[in-house]
Amino acid sequence: MPDTLVEVEGLKRHFDVSPPLLERVLQGKPRASIKALDGVSFAIKRGETFALVGESGCGKSTVARCLVGLYRPSAGSIRFADTDLAALNNRKTAAPLRRRLQMIFQDPYASLNPRWRVRRIVAEPLVTHGLVKNDAELRERVAELLRQVRLSPADGDKFPHEFSGGQRQRISIARALASRPEFLICDEPTSALDVSVQAQILNLMKDLQRSFGLTYLFISHNLAVIYQVSDRVGVMYLGRLVEIAASDELFARPRHPYTRLLIETIPRLDPPSGASGEREPVAGEVPNPIDPPPGCAFHPRCPFANERCRAERPELIAAEGALVACHAVEEGRLPPLTRSSPA
């Protein structure tokens, strides 16, 4: 089987935020759009966990929604198992392929129907895709799924509000696994949970990945979580990928100035001499996505920016085992930086 399961090439998604027509006519305002994604490209191998990280509004969740078909790409291709998902217009034709990729949402309570019992919630994908033959097989399959996420089959008789946040996320995972997917998109699945519960859910997801050979796209703003779960990491800024590297390599030797700033926000148990170890915010503000700066979008916040950075947008280039979109890296203007892992 091909080693690459998911391949995203030149993915763009633009949202029209223009004022109403009458306002544009009377006040002479032009049309406006937000480039939520502006040419994102990456590939995910079978069985690996590829993570996307970045500040809020960088486009991480938009990538996830394009992959599962909630948003239609403005341009680019999304290939899953050698089939372009963006080109599938017929729901009936797309259904067998869509069954093989599922999504786990950020808020487990909002993603579960509060009027349904857990048994019906978990059974819905099985019934929709015709994966069971009769009611007895359906009950047995639902019980098996609940046991796989460390819940009791008797929990199927309860409603979502009767569970804790961590238990509700387990129900969401059981529902995602019901259709026997190959690829799971996890959009901040632990951000609404307590730290101790986060660890339980992350350990469960890693166990399920080993048991079923799952491939993950893991989206989070928590760099410590990203380090624990990911094999490779893509760093996003204002709708574009600025760095892609293996997890250990990225955290030990971040190359892009934005990646360095993000990693320096991780609290350290062993701060350098003379440092307090307190978390410092990333400098500057994210530019207006309706009117992004020319050249490199990060240049207003970058201490290494020069005239080329302000005029020419950098593309991803190979840099010692990583892919980096930075003129300063390409020209060798950045001082070396190493950092111990956040584990």
Protein backbone atom coordinates (compact mmCIF):
# COMPACT_ATOMS: atom_id res chain seq x y z
CA MET A 1 0.00 0.00 0.00
CA PRO A 2 1.22 3.55 -0.63
CA ASP A 3 3.10 5.00 2.33
CA THR A 4 1.26 8.36 2.12
CA LEU A 5 -2.39 8.32 3.19
CA VAL A 6 -3.25 12.04 3.01
CA GLU A 7 -1.71 14.61 0.69
CA VAL A 8 -2.75 18.27 0.73
CA GLU A 9 -1.44 20.45 -2.08
CA GLY A 10 -1.89 24.21 -2.45
CA LEU A 11 -5.01 24.27 -0.27
CA LYS A 12 -6.80 27.63 -0.18
CA ARG A 13 -9.99 28.69 1.53
CA HIS A 14 -11.25 32.26 1.24
CA PHE A 15 -14.26 33.73 3.05
CA ASP A 16 -16.19 36.66 1.61
CA VAL A 17 -16.56 39.35 4.30
CA SER A 18 -17.68 42.15 1.97
CA PRO A 19 -20.14 44.80 3.22
CA PRO A 20 -23.73 44.56 1.87
CA LEU A 21 -24.18 45.52 -1.78
CA LEU A 22 -26.05 48.75 -0.99
CA GLU A 23 -23.33 49.89 1.38
CA ARG A 24 -20.66 49.14 -1.21
CA VAL A 25 -22.55 51.13 -3.86
CA LEU A 26 -23.35 54.16 -1.70
CA GLN A 27 -20.04 54.40 0.13
CA GLY A 28 -17.80 53.03 -2.61
CA LYS A 29 -16.42 50.23 -0.45
CA PRO A 30 -14.66 47.37 -2.28
CA ARG A 31 -15.31 43.67 -1.80
CA ALA A 32 -13.22 42.04 0.93
CA SER A 33 -12.20 38.48 1.73
CA ILE A 34 -10.23 36.63 4.39
CA LYS A 35 -7.62 34.19 3.16
CA ALA A 36 -8.05 31.67 5.96
CA LEU A 37 -5.83 29.26 4.04
CA ASP A 38 -3.40 30.55 1.44
CA GLY A 39 -1.58 27.65 -0.19
CA VAL A 40 -1.14 24.97 2.49
CA SER A 41 0.71 21.79 1.48
CA PHE A 42 1.66 18.75 3.55
CA ALA A 43 1.50 14.95 3.51
CA ILE A 44 0.68 12.44 6.25
CA LYS A 45 2.05 8.90 6.23
CA ARG A 46 0.03 5.89 7.28
CA GLY A 47 0.15 5.27 11.03
CA GLU A 48 1.77 8.58 11.97
CA THR A 49 0.51 11.57 13.94
CA PHE A 50 0.94 14.87 12.10
CA ALA A 51 0.24 17.92 14.26
CA LEU A 52 -0.70 21.48 13.35
CA VAL A 53 0.12 24.22 15.83
CA GLY A 54 -0.18 27.99 15.85
CA GLU A 55 -1.97 30.94 17.42
CA SER A 56 -5.75 31.26 17.29
CA GLY A 57 -6.93 32.32 13.83
CA CYS A 58 -3.97 30.85 11.94
CA GLY A 59 -6.17 28.40 9.99
CA LYS A 60 -5.67 25.10 11.84
CA SER A 61 -9.37 24.29 12.26
CA THR A 62 -10.12 25.47 8.71
CA VAL A 63 -7.73 22.79 7.43
CA ALA A 64 -9.63 20.19 9.46
CA ARG A 65 -13.02 21.30 8.17
CA CYS A 66 -11.80 21.24 4.57
CA LEU A 67 -10.51 17.69 5.04
CA VAL A 68 -13.83 16.35 6.32
CA GLY A 69 -15.89 18.27 3.77
CA LEU A 70 -17.48 20.88 6.05
CA TYR A 71 -15.79 23.60 3.97
CA ARG A 72 -15.24 23.41 0.24
CA PRO A 73 -11.71 24.51 -0.75
CA SER A 74 -11.39 27.65 -2.85
CA ALA A 75 -8.41 26.06 -4.62
CA GLY A 76 -5.97 23.19 -4.25
CA SER A 77 -6.37 19.45 -3.80
CA ILE A 78 -6.91 17.05 -0.90
CA ARG A 79 -5.95 13.50 -1.77
CA PHE A 80 -7.01 10.71 0.56
CA ALA A 81 -6.00 7.19 -0.45
CA ASP A 82 -5.20 8.51 -3.97
CA THR A 83 -8.64 10.11 -4.39
CA ASP A 84 -9.14 13.89 -4.59
CA LEU A 85 -11.77 14.67 -1.94
CA ALA A 86 -12.19 18.23 -3.21
CA ALA A 87 -13.36 16.87 -6.58
CA LEU A 88 -16.15 14.69 -5.11
CA ASN A 89 -19.42 16.52 -5.72
CA ASN A 90 -21.87 13.65 -5.26
CA ARG A 91 -22.62 12.75 -1.62
CA LYS A 92 -23.49 9.19 -2.54
CA THR A 93 -20.17 8.73 -4.33
CA ALA A 94 -18.24 10.38 -1.51
CA ALA A 95 -19.91 8.46 1.36
CA PRO A 96 -17.77 5.28 1.22
CA LEU A 97 -14.60 7.36 1.25
CA ARG A 98 -15.83 9.80 3.89
CA ARG A 99 -16.55 6.84 6.16
CA ARG A 100 -12.82 6.16 6.32
CA LEU A 101 -12.03 9.55 7.87
CA GLN A 102 -13.70 10.94 10.98
CA MET A 103 -13.34 13.98 13.21
CA ILE A 104 -13.16 14.48 16.98
CA PHE A 105 -14.28 17.99 17.93
CA GLN A 106 -12.98 20.35 20.59
CA ASP A 107 -16.07 20.54 22.82
CA PRO A 108 -17.32 17.02 23.57
CA TYR A 109 -20.67 18.24 24.94
CA ALA A 110 -21.48 20.49 21.98
CA SER A 111 -20.72 17.67 19.53
CA LEU A 112 -23.14 15.20 21.20
CA ASN A 113 -26.93 15.34 20.82
CA PRO A 114 -28.20 16.03 24.36
CA ARG A 115 -31.59 14.42 23.57
CA TRP A 116 -30.10 11.08 22.54
CA ARG A 117 -28.86 8.31 24.79
CA VAL A 118 -25.22 7.36 24.37
CA ARG A 119 -26.13 4.06 22.72
CA ARG A 120 -27.95 5.86 19.91
CA ILE A 121 -25.13 8.43 19.53
CA VAL A 122 -22.49 5.74 19.08
CA ALA A 123 -24.76 3.63 16.86
CA GLU A 124 -25.58 6.43 14.41
CA PRO A 125 -22.52 5.92 12.11
CA LEU A 126 -23.09 2.16 12.10
CA VAL A 127 -26.69 2.62 10.95
CA THR A 128 -25.92 5.43 8.49
CA HIS A 129 -23.21 3.46 6.68
CA GLY A 130 -25.03 0.11 6.91
CA LEU A 131 -22.23 -1.59 8.85
CA VAL A 132 -24.49 -3.91 10.91
CA LYS A 133 -27.11 -6.42 9.82
CA ASN A 134 -29.55 -6.47 12.75
CA ASP A 135 -30.31 -4.99 16.17
CA ALA A 136 -28.43 -7.69 18.06
CA GLU A 137 -25.26 -7.02 16.08
CA LEU A 138 -25.77 -3.29 16.59
CA ARG A 139 -26.03 -3.66 20.38
CA GLU A 140 -22.92 -5.85 20.51
CA ARG A 141 -20.90 -3.46 18.35
CA VAL A 142 -21.89 -0.44 20.47
CA ALA A 143 -20.97 -2.32 23.66
CA GLU A 144 -17.61 -3.22 22.13
CA LEU A 145 -16.92 0.41 21.17
CA LEU A 146 -17.73 1.64 24.69
CA ARG A 147 -15.38 -0.95 26.18
CA GLN A 148 -12.61 0.13 23.78
CA VAL A 149 -12.74 3.68 25.17
CA ARG A 150 -12.77 2.40 28.78
CA LEU A 151 -16.49 2.89 29.42
CA SER A 152 -19.09 0.33 30.46
CA PRO A 153 -21.73 -1.00 28.01
CA ALA A 154 -24.29 0.01 30.67
CA ASP A 155 -23.30 3.64 30.05
CA GLY A 156 -25.14 3.39 26.75
CA ASP A 157 -28.43 3.95 28.59
CA LYS A 158 -27.36 7.37 29.91
CA PHE A 159 -27.54 10.85 28.39
CA PRO A 160 -24.44 13.01 27.69
CA HIS A 161 -25.15 15.39 30.60
CA GLU A 162 -24.68 12.51 33.05
CA PHE A 163 -20.97 12.23 32.22
CA SER A 164 -17.87 14.26 33.03
CA GLY A 165 -15.98 16.14 30.31
CA GLY A 166 -13.40 13.38 29.92
CA GLN A 167 -16.09 10.71 29.68
CA ARG A 168 -17.98 12.71 27.06
CA GLN A 169 -14.80 12.94 24.99
CA ARG A 170 -14.48 9.14 25.24
CA ILE A 171 -18.02 8.89 23.86
CA SER A 172 -16.99 11.17 20.97
CA ILE A 173 -14.00 8.92 20.28
CA ALA A 174 -16.22 5.81 20.35
CA ARG A 175 -18.57 7.42 17.82
CA ALA A 176 -15.62 8.35 15.58
CA LEU A 177 -14.31 4.77 15.72
CA ALA A 178 -17.71 3.24 14.89
CA SER A 179 -17.25 3.42 11.12
CA ARG A 180 -13.79 1.78 11.36
CA PRO A 181 -11.91 4.79 9.98
CA GLU A 182 -8.28 4.86 8.90
CA PHE A 183 -7.80 8.58 9.53
CA LEU A 184 -8.90 10.64 12.54
CA ILE A 185 -8.83 14.45 12.60
CA CYS A 186 -8.54 15.63 16.20
CA ASP A 187 -9.40 19.33 16.53
CA GLU A 188 -8.14 20.38 19.97
CA PRO A 189 -9.66 17.25 21.60
CA THR A 190 -8.23 17.95 25.07
CA SER A 191 -8.28 21.75 25.36
CA ALA A 192 -11.60 21.78 27.28
CA LEU A 193 -10.41 19.18 29.80
CA ASP A 194 -8.47 19.28 33.05
CA VAL A 195 -4.77 18.44 32.85
CA SER A 196 -5.12 15.02 34.50
CA VAL A 197 -8.03 14.12 32.22
CA GLN A 198 -6.04 15.35 29.20
CA ALA A 199 -3.36 12.77 29.98
CA GLN A 200 -5.94 9.99 30.17
CA ILE A 201 -7.47 10.91 26.80
CA LEU A 202 -4.06 11.26 25.12
CA ASN A 203 -2.95 7.86 26.45
CA LEU A 204 -6.21 6.34 25.23
CA MET A 205 -5.73 7.81 21.76
CA LYS A 206 -2.17 6.49 21.56
CA ASP A 207 -3.35 3.02 22.63
CA LEU A 208 -6.09 3.06 19.98
CA GLN A 209 -3.60 4.16 17.34
CA ARG A 210 -1.36 1.20 18.12
CA SER A 211 -4.29 -1.24 18.24
CA PHE A 212 -6.01 -0.17 15.01
CA GLY A 213 -3.18 1.37 12.99
CA LEU A 214 -4.86 4.78 12.94
CA THR A 215 -3.44 7.90 11.31
CA TYR A 216 -3.99 11.19 13.13
CA LEU A 217 -4.09 14.85 12.20
CA PHE A 218 -3.80 16.43 15.66
CA ILE A 219 -4.59 20.14 16.05
CA SER A 220 -3.70 21.99 19.23
CA HIS A 221 -2.31 25.24 20.59
CA ASN A 222 -0.75 23.38 23.55
CA LEU A 223 2.88 22.78 22.59
CA ALA A 224 3.50 20.35 25.45
CA VAL A 225 0.64 18.16 24.20
CA ILE A 226 1.93 18.42 20.63
CA TYR A 227 5.36 17.23 21.75
CA GLN A 228 3.91 14.19 23.52
CA VAL A 229 1.64 12.91 20.74
CA SER A 230 3.13 13.94 17.39
CA ASP A 231 5.62 12.37 15.02
CA ARG A 232 5.85 15.47 12.80
CA VAL A 233 4.70 19.04 13.35
CA GLY A 234 3.54 21.77 10.99
CA VAL A 235 3.65 25.35 12.34
CA MET A 236 1.01 27.67 10.85
CA TYR A 237 0.91 31.46 10.72
CA LEU A 238 -1.84 33.50 9.06
CA GLY A 239 -3.06 30.74 6.76
CA ARG A 240 0.34 29.36 5.70
CA LEU A 241 2.77 26.74 6.93
CA VAL A 242 6.05 28.31 8.00
CA GLU A 243 7.85 25.18 9.23
CA ILE A 244 7.48 21.39 9.04
CA ALA A 245 9.79 19.07 10.95
CA ALA A 246 9.95 15.91 13.03
CA SER A 247 8.69 16.59 16.54
CA ASP A 248 11.98 15.96 18.35
CA GLU A 249 13.90 18.03 15.81
CA LEU A 250 11.48 20.95 15.88
CA PHE A 251 11.46 21.27 19.67
CA ALA A 252 15.23 20.79 19.99
CA ARG A 253 16.22 23.06 17.09
CA PRO A 254 13.39 25.39 16.00
CA ARG A 255 14.40 27.28 12.87
CA HIS A 256 11.68 29.75 11.94
CA PRO A 257 11.60 32.87 14.17
CA TYR A 258 7.89 32.32 14.83
CA THR A 259 8.49 28.72 15.91
CA ARG A 260 11.21 29.95 18.24
CA LEU A 261 8.88 32.49 19.83
CA LEU A 262 6.16 29.85 20.31
CA ILE A 263 8.52 27.36 21.92
CA GLU A 264 9.99 30.01 24.21
CA THR A 265 6.51 30.44 25.73
CA ILE A 266 6.64 26.89 27.17
CA PRO A 267 7.31 27.11 30.93
CA ARG A 268 10.64 25.57 31.93
CA LEU A 269 11.62 23.72 35.08
CA ASP A 270 15.28 24.57 34.41
CA PRO A 271 15.31 28.23 33.26
CA PRO A 272 18.62 29.68 32.10
CA SER A 273 20.74 31.49 34.65
CA GLY A 274 19.23 34.86 35.52
CA ALA A 275 15.80 34.01 34.03
CA SER A 276 12.65 33.67 36.09
CA GLY A 277 11.19 30.81 34.07
CA GLU A 278 7.89 32.66 33.76
CA ARG A 279 5.92 32.36 30.52
CA GLU A 280 6.40 35.33 28.21
CA PRO A 281 3.79 36.18 25.55
CA VAL A 282 4.69 36.07 21.88
CA ALA A 283 5.68 39.60 20.87
CA GLY A 284 3.43 41.75 18.71
CA GLU A 285 -0.04 41.24 17.30
CA VAL A 286 -1.33 38.99 14.54
CA PRO A 287 -1.87 41.15 11.42
CA ASN A 288 -5.32 41.85 10.05
CA PRO A 289 -6.14 38.82 7.83
CA ILE A 290 -8.28 41.01 5.55
CA ASP A 291 -5.26 43.20 4.80
CA PRO A 292 -2.14 41.08 5.49
CA PRO A 293 1.30 42.70 5.24
CA PRO A 294 3.27 42.27 1.99
CA GLY A 295 6.15 39.85 1.79
CA CYS A 296 6.50 37.56 4.80
CA ALA A 297 3.38 37.89 6.95
CA PHE A 298 5.50 37.54 10.10
CA HIS A 299 7.92 40.36 9.30
CA PRO A 300 6.18 43.04 11.49
CA ARG A 301 6.91 40.85 14.55
CA CYS A 302 10.23 39.36 13.46
CA PRO A 303 13.48 40.72 14.94
CA PHE A 304 15.44 39.35 11.95
CA ALA A 305 13.36 40.91 9.14
CA ASN A 306 15.04 42.91 6.37
CA GLU A 307 13.88 44.57 3.15
CA ARG A 308 13.60 41.27 1.32
CA CYS A 309 11.28 39.94 4.05
CA ARG A 310 9.06 43.00 3.64
CA ALA A 311 8.78 42.63 -0.13
CA GLU A 312 9.05 38.93 -1.06
CA ARG A 313 6.94 36.13 0.38
CA PRO A 314 9.11 33.12 1.33
CA GLU A 315 8.28 29.58 0.23
CA LEU A 316 9.02 26.34 2.06
CA ILE A 317 12.58 25.16 1.41
CA ALA A 318 14.58 22.23 2.77
CA ALA A 319 16.81 23.18 5.70
CA GLU A 320 18.70 20.39 7.46
CA GLY A 321 15.89 17.86 7.63
CA ALA A 322 13.08 20.41 7.96
CA LEU A 323 11.01 22.58 5.64
CA VAL A 324 11.14 26.29 6.50
CA ALA A 325 9.61 29.37 4.86
CA CYS A 326 12.05 32.06 5.98
CA HIS A 327 14.51 34.27 4.11
CA ALA A 328 16.67 34.64 7.23
CA VAL A 329 17.06 30.86 7.46
CA GLU A 330 17.82 30.63 3.74
CA GLU A 331 20.47 33.35 4.01
CA GLY A 332 21.97 32.01 7.24
CA ARG A 333 21.20 35.19 9.23
CA LEU A 334 19.70 33.43 12.27
CA PRO A 335 21.89 32.54 15.25
CA PRO A 336 21.69 28.87 16.31
CA LEU A 337 19.17 28.09 19.05
CA THR A 338 18.79 24.87 20.99
CA ARG A 339 16.32 24.10 23.72
CA SER A 340 15.59 21.13 25.96
CA SER A 341 12.36 19.26 25.30
CA PRO A 342 9.17 20.39 27.08
CA ALA A 343 8.58 16.91 28.49
